Every structure is written in structure tokens, then in C-alpha cells.
Full PDB file with SEQRES, HELIX, SHEET, SSBOND, CRYST1, ORIGX, SCALE, CONECT and MASTER records, all heavy atoms in Angstrom:
SEQRES   1 A   38  GLU GLY ASN SER ASP ARG ARG ALA PRO LYS ALA VAL LYS          
SEQRES   2 A   38  GLU TYR ALA ARG LYS ASN PRO HIS SER MET ALA ASP TRP          
SEQRES   3 A   38  SER GLN ALA SER ARG SER HIS VAL SER HIS MET HIS              
HELIX    1 AA1 LYS A   10  LYS A   18  1                                   9    
CRYST1    1.000    1.000    1.000  90.00  90.00  90.00 P 1           1          
ORIGX1      1.000000  0.000000  0.000000        0.00000                         
ORIGX2      0.000000  1.000000  0.000000        0.00000                         
ORIGX3      0.000000  0.000000  1.000000        0.00000                         
SCALE1      1.000000  0.000000  0.000000        0.00000                         
SCALE2      0.000000  1.000000  0.000000        0.00000                         
SCALE3      0.000000  0.000000  1.000000        0.00000                         
ATOM      1  N   GLU A   1       0.758  -1.181  -0.029  1.00  0.00           N  
ATOM      2  CA  GLU A   1      -0.026  -0.007   0.001  1.00  0.00           C  
ATOM      3  C   GLU A   1       0.863   1.235  -0.062  1.00  0.00           C  
ATOM      4  O   GLU A   1       0.473   2.298   0.599  1.00  0.00           O  
ATOM      5  CB  GLU A   1      -0.997  -0.067   1.221  1.00  0.00           C  
ATOM      6  CG  GLU A   1      -1.918  -1.213   1.103  1.00  0.00           C  
ATOM      7  CD  GLU A   1      -2.726  -1.266   2.394  1.00  0.00           C  
ATOM      8  OE1 GLU A   1      -2.509  -0.517   3.475  1.00  0.00           O  
ATOM      9  OE2 GLU A   1      -3.704  -2.088   2.408  1.00  0.00           O  
ATOM     10  N   GLY A   2       2.098   1.154  -0.560  1.00  0.00           N  
ATOM     11  CA  GLY A   2       2.877   2.251  -0.631  1.00  0.00           C  
ATOM     12  C   GLY A   2       3.495   2.845   0.689  1.00  0.00           C  
ATOM     13  O   GLY A   2       4.195   3.797   0.658  1.00  0.00           O  
ATOM     14  N   ASN A   3       3.337   2.139   1.666  1.00  0.00           N  
ATOM     15  CA  ASN A   3       3.782   2.484   3.038  1.00  0.00           C  
ATOM     16  C   ASN A   3       5.293   2.267   3.280  1.00  0.00           C  
ATOM     17  O   ASN A   3       5.928   2.973   4.105  1.00  0.00           O  
ATOM     18  CB  ASN A   3       2.952   1.839   4.114  1.00  0.00           C  
ATOM     19  CG  ASN A   3       1.477   2.293   4.158  1.00  0.00           C  
ATOM     20  OD1 ASN A   3       1.231   3.384   3.606  1.00  0.00           O  
ATOM     21  ND2 ASN A   3       0.741   1.438   4.653  1.00  0.00           N  
ATOM     22  N   SER A   4       5.799   1.176   2.742  1.00  0.00           N  
ATOM     23  CA  SER A   4       7.061   0.802   3.122  1.00  0.00           C  
ATOM     24  C   SER A   4       8.028   0.666   1.941  1.00  0.00           C  
ATOM     25  O   SER A   4       8.628  -0.571   1.753  1.00  0.00           O  
ATOM     26  CB  SER A   4       7.043  -0.516   3.862  1.00  0.00           C  
ATOM     27  OG  SER A   4       6.442  -0.190   5.117  1.00  0.00           O  
ATOM     28  N   ASP A   5       8.057   1.483   0.924  1.00  0.00           N  
ATOM     29  CA  ASP A   5       8.835   1.305  -0.109  1.00  0.00           C  
ATOM     30  C   ASP A   5      10.298   1.519   0.248  1.00  0.00           C  
ATOM     31  O   ASP A   5      10.656   2.760   0.614  1.00  0.00           O  
ATOM     32  CB  ASP A   5       8.532   2.327  -1.358  1.00  0.00           C  
ATOM     33  CG  ASP A   5       9.093   2.030  -2.672  1.00  0.00           C  
ATOM     34  OD1 ASP A   5      10.140   1.290  -2.705  1.00  0.00           O  
ATOM     35  OD2 ASP A   5       8.713   2.640  -3.574  1.00  0.00           O  
ATOM     36  N   ARG A   6      11.146   0.471   0.264  1.00  0.00           N  
ATOM     37  CA  ARG A   6      12.516   0.475   0.726  1.00  0.00           C  
ATOM     38  C   ARG A   6      13.612   0.891  -0.306  1.00  0.00           C  
ATOM     39  O   ARG A   6      14.679   0.862  -0.117  1.00  0.00           O  
ATOM     40  CB  ARG A   6      12.899  -0.895   1.418  1.00  0.00           C  
ATOM     41  CG  ARG A   6      11.961  -1.261   2.532  1.00  0.00           C  
ATOM     42  CD  ARG A   6      12.500  -0.626   3.768  1.00  0.00           C  
ATOM     43  NE  ARG A   6      11.900  -1.248   4.991  1.00  0.00           N  
ATOM     44  CZ  ARG A   6      10.734  -0.993   5.513  1.00  0.00           C  
ATOM     45  NH1 ARG A   6       9.842  -0.173   4.877  1.00  0.00           N  
ATOM     46  NH2 ARG A   6      10.311  -1.652   6.550  1.00  0.00           N  
ATOM     47  N   ARG A   7      13.028   1.135  -1.566  1.00  0.00           N  
ATOM     48  CA  ARG A   7      14.004   1.400  -2.620  1.00  0.00           C  
ATOM     49  C   ARG A   7      14.583   2.788  -2.447  1.00  0.00           C  
ATOM     50  O   ARG A   7      13.891   3.792  -2.179  1.00  0.00           O  
ATOM     51  CB  ARG A   7      13.270   1.361  -4.015  1.00  0.00           C  
ATOM     52  CG  ARG A   7      12.907  -0.119  -4.319  1.00  0.00           C  
ATOM     53  CD  ARG A   7      12.129  -0.105  -5.655  1.00  0.00           C  
ATOM     54  NE  ARG A   7      10.780   0.445  -5.419  1.00  0.00           N  
ATOM     55  CZ  ARG A   7       9.823   0.457  -6.198  1.00  0.00           C  
ATOM     56  NH1 ARG A   7       9.908  -0.022  -7.381  1.00  0.00           N  
ATOM     57  NH2 ARG A   7       8.626   1.073  -5.833  1.00  0.00           N  
ATOM     58  N   ALA A   8      15.941   2.844  -2.520  1.00  0.00           N  
ATOM     59  CA  ALA A   8      16.538   4.014  -2.429  1.00  0.00           C  
ATOM     60  C   ALA A   8      16.455   4.987  -3.742  1.00  0.00           C  
ATOM     61  O   ALA A   8      16.542   4.465  -4.759  1.00  0.00           O  
ATOM     62  CB  ALA A   8      18.112   3.906  -2.106  1.00  0.00           C  
ATOM     63  N   PRO A   9      16.333   6.362  -3.504  1.00  0.00           N  
ATOM     64  CA  PRO A   9      16.218   7.340  -4.645  1.00  0.00           C  
ATOM     65  C   PRO A   9      17.467   7.142  -5.339  1.00  0.00           C  
ATOM     66  O   PRO A   9      18.563   6.836  -4.866  1.00  0.00           O  
ATOM     67  CB  PRO A   9      16.017   8.494  -3.986  1.00  0.00           C  
ATOM     68  CG  PRO A   9      15.535   8.279  -2.623  1.00  0.00           C  
ATOM     69  CD  PRO A   9      16.032   7.048  -2.116  1.00  0.00           C  
ATOM     70  N   LYS A  10      17.385   7.528  -6.654  1.00  0.00           N  
ATOM     71  CA  LYS A  10      18.555   7.488  -7.517  1.00  0.00           C  
ATOM     72  C   LYS A  10      19.676   8.214  -7.087  1.00  0.00           C  
ATOM     73  O   LYS A  10      20.911   7.703  -7.050  1.00  0.00           O  
ATOM     74  CB  LYS A  10      18.147   7.964  -8.987  1.00  0.00           C  
ATOM     75  CG  LYS A  10      19.133   7.763 -10.016  1.00  0.00           C  
ATOM     76  CD  LYS A  10      18.739   8.180 -11.441  1.00  0.00           C  
ATOM     77  CE  LYS A  10      19.968   8.033 -12.309  1.00  0.00           C  
ATOM     78  NZ  LYS A  10      19.521   8.441 -13.679  1.00  0.00           N  
ATOM     79  N   ALA A  11      19.454   9.457  -6.566  1.00  0.00           N  
ATOM     80  CA  ALA A  11      20.606  10.270  -6.102  1.00  0.00           C  
ATOM     81  C   ALA A  11      21.189   9.594  -4.884  1.00  0.00           C  
ATOM     82  O   ALA A  11      22.463   9.798  -4.684  1.00  0.00           O  
ATOM     83  CB  ALA A  11      19.958  11.618  -5.620  1.00  0.00           C  
ATOM     84  N   VAL A  12      20.513   8.895  -3.963  1.00  0.00           N  
ATOM     85  CA  VAL A  12      21.065   8.280  -2.951  1.00  0.00           C  
ATOM     86  C   VAL A  12      22.025   7.135  -3.312  1.00  0.00           C  
ATOM     87  O   VAL A  12      23.137   6.943  -2.888  1.00  0.00           O  
ATOM     88  CB  VAL A  12      20.094   7.776  -1.847  1.00  0.00           C  
ATOM     89  CG1 VAL A  12      20.749   6.964  -0.853  1.00  0.00           C  
ATOM     90  CG2 VAL A  12      19.323   8.953  -1.266  1.00  0.00           C  
ATOM     91  N   LYS A  13      21.719   6.343  -4.434  1.00  0.00           N  
ATOM     92  CA  LYS A  13      22.379   5.289  -4.955  1.00  0.00           C  
ATOM     93  C   LYS A  13      23.626   5.809  -5.634  1.00  0.00           C  
ATOM     94  O   LYS A  13      24.824   5.266  -5.451  1.00  0.00           O  
ATOM     95  CB  LYS A  13      21.533   4.483  -5.997  1.00  0.00           C  
ATOM     96  CG  LYS A  13      20.605   3.664  -5.392  1.00  0.00           C  
ATOM     97  CD  LYS A  13      19.813   2.888  -6.541  1.00  0.00           C  
ATOM     98  CE  LYS A  13      18.818   1.879  -5.863  1.00  0.00           C  
ATOM     99  NZ  LYS A  13      18.091   1.228  -6.988  1.00  0.00           N  
ATOM    100  N   GLU A  14      23.472   6.914  -6.306  1.00  0.00           N  
ATOM    101  CA  GLU A  14      24.725   7.458  -7.004  1.00  0.00           C  
ATOM    102  C   GLU A  14      25.655   8.011  -5.932  1.00  0.00           C  
ATOM    103  O   GLU A  14      27.041   7.825  -6.117  1.00  0.00           O  
ATOM    104  CB  GLU A  14      24.299   8.655  -7.899  1.00  0.00           C  
ATOM    105  CG  GLU A  14      23.508   8.143  -9.105  1.00  0.00           C  
ATOM    106  CD  GLU A  14      22.917   9.218 -10.066  1.00  0.00           C  
ATOM    107  OE1 GLU A  14      23.269  10.446  -9.679  1.00  0.00           O  
ATOM    108  OE2 GLU A  14      22.363   8.868 -10.988  1.00  0.00           O  
ATOM    109  N   TYR A  15      25.337   8.654  -4.881  1.00  0.00           N  
ATOM    110  CA  TYR A  15      26.164   9.131  -3.832  1.00  0.00           C  
ATOM    111  C   TYR A  15      26.919   7.963  -3.191  1.00  0.00           C  
ATOM    112  O   TYR A  15      28.020   7.941  -2.923  1.00  0.00           O  
ATOM    113  CB  TYR A  15      25.397   9.907  -2.641  1.00  0.00           C  
ATOM    114  CG  TYR A  15      26.296  10.256  -1.499  1.00  0.00           C  
ATOM    115  CD1 TYR A  15      27.033  11.502  -1.764  1.00  0.00           C  
ATOM    116  CD2 TYR A  15      26.483   9.559  -0.444  1.00  0.00           C  
ATOM    117  CE1 TYR A  15      27.854  11.825  -0.676  1.00  0.00           C  
ATOM    118  CE2 TYR A  15      27.300  10.000   0.503  1.00  0.00           C  
ATOM    119  CZ  TYR A  15      28.031  11.087   0.469  1.00  0.00           C  
ATOM    120  OH  TYR A  15      28.790  11.508   1.463  1.00  0.00           O  
ATOM    121  N   ALA A  16      26.150   6.745  -2.921  1.00  0.00           N  
ATOM    122  CA  ALA A  16      26.779   5.673  -2.354  1.00  0.00           C  
ATOM    123  C   ALA A  16      27.850   4.971  -3.223  1.00  0.00           C  
ATOM    124  O   ALA A  16      28.863   4.565  -2.714  1.00  0.00           O  
ATOM    125  CB  ALA A  16      25.673   4.664  -1.938  1.00  0.00           C  
ATOM    126  N   ARG A  17      27.570   5.020  -4.572  1.00  0.00           N  
ATOM    127  CA  ARG A  17      28.688   4.532  -5.491  1.00  0.00           C  
ATOM    128  C   ARG A  17      29.854   5.349  -5.467  1.00  0.00           C  
ATOM    129  O   ARG A  17      31.080   4.805  -5.542  1.00  0.00           O  
ATOM    130  CB  ARG A  17      27.925   4.361  -6.846  1.00  0.00           C  
ATOM    131  CG  ARG A  17      26.999   3.303  -7.107  1.00  0.00           C  
ATOM    132  CD  ARG A  17      26.497   3.148  -8.493  1.00  0.00           C  
ATOM    133  NE  ARG A  17      25.403   2.133  -8.509  1.00  0.00           N  
ATOM    134  CZ  ARG A  17      24.192   2.508  -8.865  1.00  0.00           C  
ATOM    135  NH1 ARG A  17      23.867   3.728  -9.024  1.00  0.00           N  
ATOM    136  NH2 ARG A  17      23.275   1.563  -8.787  1.00  0.00           N  
ATOM    137  N   LYS A  18      29.680   6.768  -5.525  1.00  0.00           N  
ATOM    138  CA  LYS A  18      30.789   7.504  -5.495  1.00  0.00           C  
ATOM    139  C   LYS A  18      31.518   7.624  -4.085  1.00  0.00           C  
ATOM    140  O   LYS A  18      32.771   7.941  -4.080  1.00  0.00           O  
ATOM    141  CB  LYS A  18      30.350   8.928  -5.928  1.00  0.00           C  
ATOM    142  CG  LYS A  18      29.902   9.201  -7.327  1.00  0.00           C  
ATOM    143  CD  LYS A  18      29.421  10.495  -7.591  1.00  0.00           C  
ATOM    144  CE  LYS A  18      28.902  10.667  -8.995  1.00  0.00           C  
ATOM    145  NZ  LYS A  18      28.193  11.892  -9.179  1.00  0.00           N  
ATOM    146  N   ASN A  19      30.848   7.394  -3.095  1.00  0.00           N  
ATOM    147  CA  ASN A  19      31.535   7.449  -1.675  1.00  0.00           C  
ATOM    148  C   ASN A  19      31.153   6.197  -0.990  1.00  0.00           C  
ATOM    149  O   ASN A  19      30.517   6.018  -0.062  1.00  0.00           O  
ATOM    150  CB  ASN A  19      30.850   8.547  -0.895  1.00  0.00           C  
ATOM    151  CG  ASN A  19      31.052   9.903  -1.631  1.00  0.00           C  
ATOM    152  OD1 ASN A  19      32.121  10.511  -1.602  1.00  0.00           O  
ATOM    153  ND2 ASN A  19      29.994  10.297  -2.211  1.00  0.00           N  
ATOM    154  N   PRO A  20      31.921   5.035  -1.323  1.00  0.00           N  
ATOM    155  CA  PRO A  20      31.606   3.676  -0.757  1.00  0.00           C  
ATOM    156  C   PRO A  20      31.929   3.787   0.796  1.00  0.00           C  
ATOM    157  O   PRO A  20      33.000   4.376   1.201  1.00  0.00           O  
ATOM    158  CB  PRO A  20      32.314   2.760  -1.595  1.00  0.00           C  
ATOM    159  CG  PRO A  20      33.462   3.511  -2.160  1.00  0.00           C  
ATOM    160  CD  PRO A  20      32.884   4.956  -2.434  1.00  0.00           C  
ATOM    161  N   HIS A  21      31.122   3.059   1.596  1.00  0.00           N  
ATOM    162  CA  HIS A  21      31.448   3.024   3.033  1.00  0.00           C  
ATOM    163  C   HIS A  21      32.406   1.718   3.294  1.00  0.00           C  
ATOM    164  O   HIS A  21      31.881   0.630   2.801  1.00  0.00           O  
ATOM    165  CB  HIS A  21      30.170   2.992   3.820  1.00  0.00           C  
ATOM    166  CG  HIS A  21      30.398   2.786   5.296  1.00  0.00           C  
ATOM    167  ND1 HIS A  21      30.808   3.664   6.233  1.00  0.00           N  
ATOM    168  CD2 HIS A  21      30.197   1.603   6.049  1.00  0.00           C  
ATOM    169  CE1 HIS A  21      30.950   3.092   7.311  1.00  0.00           C  
ATOM    170  NE2 HIS A  21      30.544   1.933   7.361  1.00  0.00           N  
ATOM    171  N   SER A  22      33.350   1.937   3.992  1.00  0.00           N  
ATOM    172  CA  SER A  22      34.083   0.739   4.247  1.00  0.00           C  
ATOM    173  C   SER A  22      34.032   0.390   5.860  1.00  0.00           C  
ATOM    174  O   SER A  22      33.962   1.359   6.655  1.00  0.00           O  
ATOM    175  CB  SER A  22      35.640   1.000   4.047  1.00  0.00           C  
ATOM    176  OG  SER A  22      36.145   1.935   4.678  1.00  0.00           O  
ATOM    177  N   MET A  23      33.911  -0.820   6.117  1.00  0.00           N  
ATOM    178  CA  MET A  23      33.799  -1.177   7.517  1.00  0.00           C  
ATOM    179  C   MET A  23      35.237  -0.934   8.305  1.00  0.00           C  
ATOM    180  O   MET A  23      36.353  -1.151   7.718  1.00  0.00           O  
ATOM    181  CB  MET A  23      33.564  -2.883   7.704  1.00  0.00           C  
ATOM    182  CG  MET A  23      32.174  -2.986   7.035  1.00  0.00           C  
ATOM    183  SD  MET A  23      30.848  -2.306   7.985  1.00  0.00           S  
ATOM    184  CE  MET A  23      30.962  -3.420   9.614  1.00  0.00           C  
ATOM    185  N   ALA A  24      35.042  -0.555   9.439  1.00  0.00           N  
ATOM    186  CA  ALA A  24      36.232  -0.311  10.175  1.00  0.00           C  
ATOM    187  C   ALA A  24      36.741  -1.735  10.772  1.00  0.00           C  
ATOM    188  O   ALA A  24      36.136  -2.761  10.563  1.00  0.00           O  
ATOM    189  CB  ALA A  24      35.913   0.492  11.471  1.00  0.00           C  
ATOM    190  N   ASP A  25      38.033  -1.693  11.368  1.00  0.00           N  
ATOM    191  CA  ASP A  25      38.553  -3.012  11.802  1.00  0.00           C  
ATOM    192  C   ASP A  25      37.589  -3.493  12.934  1.00  0.00           C  
ATOM    193  O   ASP A  25      37.067  -2.734  13.702  1.00  0.00           O  
ATOM    194  CB  ASP A  25      39.939  -2.837  12.409  1.00  0.00           C  
ATOM    195  CG  ASP A  25      40.987  -2.519  11.312  1.00  0.00           C  
ATOM    196  OD1 ASP A  25      40.693  -2.892  10.154  1.00  0.00           O  
ATOM    197  OD2 ASP A  25      41.968  -1.805  11.624  1.00  0.00           O  
ATOM    198  N   TRP A  26      37.354  -4.846  12.830  1.00  0.00           N  
ATOM    199  CA  TRP A  26      36.505  -5.471  13.773  1.00  0.00           C  
ATOM    200  C   TRP A  26      37.458  -5.913  14.925  1.00  0.00           C  
ATOM    201  O   TRP A  26      38.282  -6.743  14.788  1.00  0.00           O  
ATOM    202  CB  TRP A  26      35.953  -6.732  13.114  1.00  0.00           C  
ATOM    203  CG  TRP A  26      34.810  -7.325  14.010  1.00  0.00           C  
ATOM    204  CD1 TRP A  26      34.941  -8.433  14.836  1.00  0.00           C  
ATOM    205  CD2 TRP A  26      33.422  -6.864  14.111  1.00  0.00           C  
ATOM    206  NE1 TRP A  26      33.760  -8.509  15.465  1.00  0.00           N  
ATOM    207  CE2 TRP A  26      32.835  -7.820  15.034  1.00  0.00           C  
ATOM    208  CE3 TRP A  26      32.671  -5.821  13.509  1.00  0.00           C  
ATOM    209  CZ2 TRP A  26      31.453  -7.625  15.447  1.00  0.00           C  
ATOM    210  CZ3 TRP A  26      31.380  -5.781  13.778  1.00  0.00           C  
ATOM    211  CH2 TRP A  26      30.647  -6.596  14.739  1.00  0.00           C  
ATOM    212  N   SER A  27      37.032  -5.433  16.116  1.00  0.00           N  
ATOM    213  CA  SER A  27      37.760  -5.928  17.379  1.00  0.00           C  
ATOM    214  C   SER A  27      37.529  -7.330  17.637  1.00  0.00           C  
ATOM    215  O   SER A  27      36.405  -7.796  17.805  1.00  0.00           O  
ATOM    216  CB  SER A  27      37.485  -4.956  18.478  1.00  0.00           C  
ATOM    217  OG  SER A  27      37.934  -5.372  19.755  1.00  0.00           O  
ATOM    218  N   GLN A  28      38.568  -8.033  18.066  1.00  0.00           N  
ATOM    219  CA  GLN A  28      38.523  -9.439  18.483  1.00  0.00           C  
ATOM    220  C   GLN A  28      37.804  -9.383  19.875  1.00  0.00           C  
ATOM    221  O   GLN A  28      37.289 -10.499  20.315  1.00  0.00           O  
ATOM    222  CB  GLN A  28      39.817 -10.123  18.534  1.00  0.00           C  
ATOM    223  CG  GLN A  28      40.509 -10.252  17.159  1.00  0.00           C  
ATOM    224  CD  GLN A  28      39.581 -11.284  16.285  1.00  0.00           C  
ATOM    225  OE1 GLN A  28      39.166 -12.271  16.749  1.00  0.00           O  
ATOM    226  NE2 GLN A  28      39.491 -10.855  15.066  1.00  0.00           N  
ATOM    227  N   ALA A  29      37.821  -8.377  20.634  1.00  0.00           N  
ATOM    228  CA  ALA A  29      37.180  -8.320  21.813  1.00  0.00           C  
ATOM    229  C   ALA A  29      35.739  -8.177  21.805  1.00  0.00           C  
ATOM    230  O   ALA A  29      34.952  -8.406  22.727  1.00  0.00           O  
ATOM    231  CB  ALA A  29      37.666  -7.144  22.779  1.00  0.00           C  
ATOM    232  N   SER A  30      35.203  -7.824  20.662  1.00  0.00           N  
ATOM    233  CA  SER A  30      33.745  -7.680  20.390  1.00  0.00           C  
ATOM    234  C   SER A  30      33.123  -9.017  20.412  1.00  0.00           C  
ATOM    235  O   SER A  30      33.491  -9.975  19.702  1.00  0.00           O  
ATOM    236  CB  SER A  30      33.499  -7.023  19.121  1.00  0.00           C  
ATOM    237  OG  SER A  30      32.062  -6.907  18.826  1.00  0.00           O  
ATOM    238  N   ARG A  31      32.094  -9.173  21.184  1.00  0.00           N  
ATOM    239  CA  ARG A  31      31.341 -10.471  21.330  1.00  0.00           C  
ATOM    240  C   ARG A  31      29.921 -10.226  20.903  1.00  0.00           C  
ATOM    241  O   ARG A  31      29.276  -9.354  21.261  1.00  0.00           O  
ATOM    242  CB  ARG A  31      31.361 -10.948  22.915  1.00  0.00           C  
ATOM    243  CG  ARG A  31      32.705 -11.301  23.367  1.00  0.00           C  
ATOM    244  CD  ARG A  31      32.732 -11.866  24.716  1.00  0.00           C  
ATOM    245  NE  ARG A  31      31.888 -11.039  25.566  1.00  0.00           N  
ATOM    246  CZ  ARG A  31      31.406 -11.432  26.745  1.00  0.00           C  
ATOM    247  NH1 ARG A  31      31.791 -12.639  27.306  1.00  0.00           N  
ATOM    248  NH2 ARG A  31      30.744 -10.664  27.556  1.00  0.00           N  
ATOM    249  N   SER A  32      29.517 -11.178  20.014  1.00  0.00           N  
ATOM    250  CA  SER A  32      28.024 -11.135  19.546  1.00  0.00           C  
ATOM    251  C   SER A  32      27.623 -12.400  19.155  1.00  0.00           C  
ATOM    252  O   SER A  32      28.538 -13.411  18.958  1.00  0.00           O  
ATOM    253  CB  SER A  32      28.004 -10.191  18.332  1.00  0.00           C  
ATOM    254  OG  SER A  32      28.731 -10.626  17.278  1.00  0.00           O  
ATOM    255  N   HIS A  33      26.385 -12.752  19.124  1.00  0.00           N  
ATOM    256  CA  HIS A  33      25.716 -14.030  18.859  1.00  0.00           C  
ATOM    257  C   HIS A  33      24.509 -13.637  18.047  1.00  0.00           C  
ATOM    258  O   HIS A  33      23.566 -13.074  18.555  1.00  0.00           O  
ATOM    259  CB  HIS A  33      25.588 -14.680  20.118  1.00  0.00           C  
ATOM    260  CG  HIS A  33      24.809 -16.083  19.835  1.00  0.00           C  
ATOM    261  ND1 HIS A  33      25.396 -17.201  19.327  1.00  0.00           N  
ATOM    262  CD2 HIS A  33      23.511 -16.286  19.932  1.00  0.00           C  
ATOM    263  CE1 HIS A  33      24.381 -18.142  19.293  1.00  0.00           C  
ATOM    264  NE2 HIS A  33      23.281 -17.569  19.665  1.00  0.00           N  
ATOM    265  N   VAL A  34      24.331 -14.184  16.793  1.00  0.00           N  
ATOM    266  CA  VAL A  34      23.074 -14.060  16.105  1.00  0.00           C  
ATOM    267  C   VAL A  34      22.425 -15.457  15.911  1.00  0.00           C  
ATOM    268  O   VAL A  34      23.078 -16.291  15.585  1.00  0.00           O  
ATOM    269  CB  VAL A  34      23.385 -13.445  14.772  1.00  0.00           C  
ATOM    270  CG1 VAL A  34      22.139 -13.264  13.893  1.00  0.00           C  
ATOM    271  CG2 VAL A  34      24.078 -11.982  14.933  1.00  0.00           C  
ATOM    272  N   SER A  35      21.175 -15.433  16.239  1.00  0.00           N  
ATOM    273  CA  SER A  35      20.502 -16.626  16.140  1.00  0.00           C  
ATOM    274  C   SER A  35      19.110 -16.688  15.431  1.00  0.00           C  
ATOM    275  O   SER A  35      18.583 -15.386  15.417  1.00  0.00           O  
ATOM    276  CB  SER A  35      20.319 -17.315  17.605  1.00  0.00           C  
ATOM    277  OG  SER A  35      19.878 -18.628  17.521  1.00  0.00           O  
ATOM    278  N   HIS A  36      18.625 -17.678  14.991  1.00  0.00           N  
ATOM    279  CA  HIS A  36      17.295 -17.801  14.492  1.00  0.00           C  
ATOM    280  C   HIS A  36      16.658 -19.121  14.756  1.00  0.00           C  
ATOM    281  O   HIS A  36      17.345 -20.098  15.103  1.00  0.00           O  
ATOM    282  CB  HIS A  36      17.337 -17.609  13.002  1.00  0.00           C  
ATOM    283  CG  HIS A  36      18.134 -18.542  12.190  1.00  0.00           C  
ATOM    284  ND1 HIS A  36      17.555 -19.696  11.688  1.00  0.00           N  
ATOM    285  CD2 HIS A  36      19.373 -18.719  11.964  1.00  0.00           C  
ATOM    286  CE1 HIS A  36      18.381 -20.437  11.063  1.00  0.00           C  
ATOM    287  NE2 HIS A  36      19.602 -19.787  11.169  1.00  0.00           N  
ATOM    288  N   MET A  37      15.446 -19.199  14.639  1.00  0.00           N  
ATOM    289  CA  MET A  37      14.760 -20.423  14.944  1.00  0.00           C  
ATOM    290  C   MET A  37      15.038 -21.420  13.771  1.00  0.00           C  
ATOM    291  O   MET A  37      15.365 -21.089  12.769  1.00  0.00           O  
ATOM    292  CB  MET A  37      13.151 -20.276  15.006  1.00  0.00           C  
ATOM    293  CG  MET A  37      12.790 -19.328  16.184  1.00  0.00           C  
ATOM    294  SD  MET A  37      10.947 -19.154  16.226  1.00  0.00           S  
ATOM    295  CE  MET A  37      10.296 -20.747  16.546  1.00  0.00           C  
ATOM    296  N   HIS A  38      15.121 -22.691  14.080  1.00  0.00           N  
ATOM    297  CA  HIS A  38      15.446 -23.759  13.212  1.00  0.00           C  
ATOM    298  C   HIS A  38      14.175 -24.663  12.842  1.00  0.00           C  
ATOM    299  O   HIS A  38      14.360 -25.565  12.216  1.00  0.00           O  
ATOM    300  CB  HIS A  38      16.544 -24.630  13.697  1.00  0.00           C  
ATOM    301  CG  HIS A  38      17.778 -23.856  13.670  1.00  0.00           C  
ATOM    302  ND1 HIS A  38      18.700 -23.590  12.592  1.00  0.00           N  
ATOM    303  CD2 HIS A  38      18.379 -23.222  14.836  1.00  0.00           C  
ATOM    304  CE1 HIS A  38      19.560 -22.787  12.969  1.00  0.00           C  
ATOM    305  NE2 HIS A  38      19.679 -22.554  14.262  1.00  0.00           N  
TER     306      HIS A  38                                                      
MASTER        0    0    0    1    0    0    0    6  305    1    0    3          
END                                                                             
């Protein structure tokens, strides 16, 4: 119903292509756990 269109506008896509984001170094001290039902 038009409420949740997640597509990025063309200008946003172009900016992201010209200015790619790189992930910072991942600290080995960082603890996380992702889970889902099986």
C-alpha cells in the first residue's frame, strides 16, 4: 500500500557508489551472537 517502499532514490544510490562506506577494523574483543529459529 505504498507505506514501506524501501527502494533508495537514484541520487542516494549515486552518492553511495561515489562514496563507498568501508567497515572499520573488527575488534576481536567484540562479542556477539546471532541466532534464528530452526
